Each structure stands twice: as C-alpha cells, then as structure tokens.
C-alpha cells in the first residue's frame, strides 16, 4: 500500500516538474532569479523529449509500482500520462511540435524578462 502511494506521489511530482518546465519561464516575470532554477529544468525537459530518453522519475515510479505489486510500464511519463490526455491517438510525429511549444513559450517569457530587467 505504501509503495503504491509513493508511486502516485512520484507521478504528482513528475507532473509538477513538467508544468514547471513548460511554464516556468513565466515565473521569471515575477521573480527574475527563477531563471537560474528554470533554465536547467527546461534544458533537461527539452533533452528528454528531443532524444526520447526516459526520465529518472519514471524509473522511480516503476520501481515503486513493482514493489507495491503493480505492473511497471515501458514508455516515459509524457507518453504514458500526458499524450493520451492531450492527444488520444498519439502520433510519433507530435514529439517535435511539443518540443517547439516548450521552447516557444519559454523564449517568449524570457524575452519579456529581458526587456523588463535585463537591458
């Protein structure tokens, strides 16, 4: 029971990280020093999606699910949880538009931060 709960917590943490990677640049509009926290997260999320790597949080969740008597899964977090919600019939070619959107949102946010604080 405890391992299933921990696996669920890992999913929530993972979802929080994904949300921060996608929208974290917007936090820098209010707190400019967040750039130094967000840029590594953005770089990691971009690398994971670009190269098709599996995030360590996925491995952690799988290990916890196995310890809790559930089955693990092969695909990554985005493919398992987010793609079925956002795109019920996920196509492999969606990877690049997702990476482009991830970068575009944050480039726009950082452009506003730079215009406001960085000249």
Protein backbone atom coordinates (compact mmCIF):
# COMPACT_ATOMS: atom_id res chain seq x y z
CA UNK A 1 0.00 0.00 0.00
CA UNK A 2 2.77 2.47 0.92
CA UNK A 3 4.64 1.82 -2.35
CA UNK A 4 1.54 2.49 -4.42
CA UNK A 5 1.06 5.78 -2.58
CA UNK A 6 4.72 6.69 -3.12
CA UNK A 7 4.38 5.86 -6.83
CA UNK A 8 1.37 8.17 -7.02
CA UNK A 9 3.36 10.90 -5.29
CA UNK A 10 6.12 10.40 -7.85
CA UNK A 11 3.55 10.96 -10.61
CA UNK A 12 2.39 14.20 -8.98
CA UNK A 13 6.00 15.40 -8.59
CA UNK A 14 6.65 14.45 -12.21
CA UNK A 15 3.59 16.36 -13.39
CA UNK A 16 4.73 19.37 -11.36
CA UNK A 17 8.14 19.22 -12.99
CA UNK A 18 6.61 19.01 -16.47
CA UNK A 19 4.37 22.00 -15.71
CA UNK A 20 7.35 23.95 -14.37
CA UNK A 21 9.43 23.09 -17.44
CA UNK A 22 6.65 24.26 -19.76
CA UNK A 23 5.52 27.36 -17.88
CA UNK A 24 8.40 28.10 -15.51
CA UNK A 25 9.70 30.90 -17.68
CA UNK A 26 6.58 32.80 -16.71
CA UNK A 27 7.66 32.70 -13.06
CA UNK A 28 10.71 34.74 -14.05
CA UNK A 29 8.37 37.58 -15.00
CA UNK A 30 7.61 37.97 -11.29
CA UNK A 31 10.85 36.61 -9.82
CA UNK A 32 13.75 37.15 -12.26
CA UNK A 33 16.13 34.93 -10.27
CA UNK A 34 13.88 31.94 -11.10
CA UNK A 35 15.70 31.91 -14.43
CA UNK A 36 18.55 30.06 -12.72
CA UNK A 37 16.20 27.38 -11.43
CA UNK A 38 14.11 27.13 -14.56
CA UNK A 39 16.80 27.02 -17.26
CA UNK A 40 18.27 23.70 -16.07
CA UNK A 41 14.75 22.24 -15.81
CA UNK A 42 13.95 23.48 -19.31
CA UNK A 43 17.20 22.07 -20.68
CA UNK A 44 16.52 18.69 -19.05
CA UNK A 45 12.91 18.51 -20.29
CA UNK A 46 13.98 19.52 -23.80
CA UNK A 47 16.73 16.87 -23.84
CA UNK A 48 14.34 14.18 -22.55
CA UNK A 49 11.83 14.94 -25.29
CA UNK A 50 14.36 15.57 -28.06
CA UNK A 51 16.32 12.36 -27.54
CA UNK A 52 13.43 10.19 -26.36
CA UNK A 53 15.10 9.42 -23.04
CA UNK A 54 13.20 8.09 -20.05
CA UNK A 55 13.22 10.43 -17.06
CA UNK A 56 14.60 9.04 -13.78
CA UNK A 57 11.27 9.87 -12.13
CA UNK A 58 9.66 7.33 -14.46
CA UNK A 59 12.14 4.70 -13.32
CA UNK A 60 11.42 5.62 -9.69
CA UNK A 61 7.68 5.35 -10.22
CA UNK A 62 8.07 1.97 -11.95
CA UNK A 63 10.24 0.63 -9.14
CA UNK A 64 7.70 1.76 -6.56
CA UNK A 65 4.81 0.26 -8.53
CA UNK A 66 6.63 -3.09 -8.78
CA UNK A 67 7.34 -3.03 -5.02
CA UNK A 68 3.65 -2.28 -4.49
CA UNK A 69 2.58 -5.31 -6.56
CA UNK A 70 1.58 -3.40 -9.69
CA UNK A 71 2.97 -3.70 -13.21
CA UNK A 72 5.60 -1.28 -14.50
CA UNK A 73 5.40 0.29 -17.94
CA UNK A 74 7.92 0.81 -20.73
CA UNK A 75 7.14 4.28 -22.09
CA UNK A 76 8.02 7.60 -20.50
CA UNK A 77 5.87 9.84 -18.34
CA UNK A 78 4.75 12.13 -21.16
CA UNK A 79 3.84 9.19 -23.40
CA UNK A 80 2.01 7.35 -20.62
CA UNK A 81 0.10 10.15 -18.90
CA UNK A 82 0.05 13.35 -20.91
CA UNK A 83 -0.14 12.28 -24.56
CA UNK A 84 -3.26 10.12 -24.03
CA UNK A 85 -4.96 13.09 -22.35
CA UNK A 86 -3.86 15.74 -24.82
CA UNK A 87 -3.85 13.60 -27.96
CA UNK A 88 -5.93 10.43 -27.56
CA UNK A 89 -4.42 8.90 -30.70
CA UNK A 90 -0.82 9.93 -30.10
CA UNK A 91 1.34 10.03 -33.19
CA UNK A 92 5.12 9.77 -33.06
CA UNK A 93 5.43 12.95 -35.08
CA UNK A 94 4.00 15.00 -32.17
CA UNK A 95 7.33 14.97 -30.36
CA UNK A 96 8.77 17.89 -32.33
CA UNK A 97 5.71 20.16 -32.04
CA UNK A 98 5.77 19.54 -28.27
CA UNK A 99 9.45 20.46 -28.08
CA UNK A 100 8.81 23.54 -30.23
CA UNK A 101 5.92 24.62 -27.99
CA UNK A 102 8.02 24.04 -24.87
CA UNK A 103 10.77 26.25 -26.22
CA UNK A 104 8.47 28.89 -27.78
CA UNK A 105 6.55 29.52 -24.55
CA UNK A 106 9.75 29.96 -22.60
CA UNK A 107 11.60 32.01 -25.23
CA UNK A 108 8.66 34.43 -25.22
CA UNK A 109 8.65 34.59 -21.41
CA UNK A 110 12.40 35.18 -21.26
CA UNK A 111 12.18 37.83 -23.94
CA UNK A 112 9.73 39.73 -21.71
CA UNK A 113 12.01 39.24 -18.69
CA UNK A 114 14.99 40.50 -20.66
CA UNK A 115 13.05 43.55 -21.90
CA UNK A 116 11.89 44.36 -18.37
CA UNK A 117 15.01 43.57 -16.31
CA UNK A 118 17.99 42.71 -18.44
CA UNK A 119 18.99 45.56 -20.67
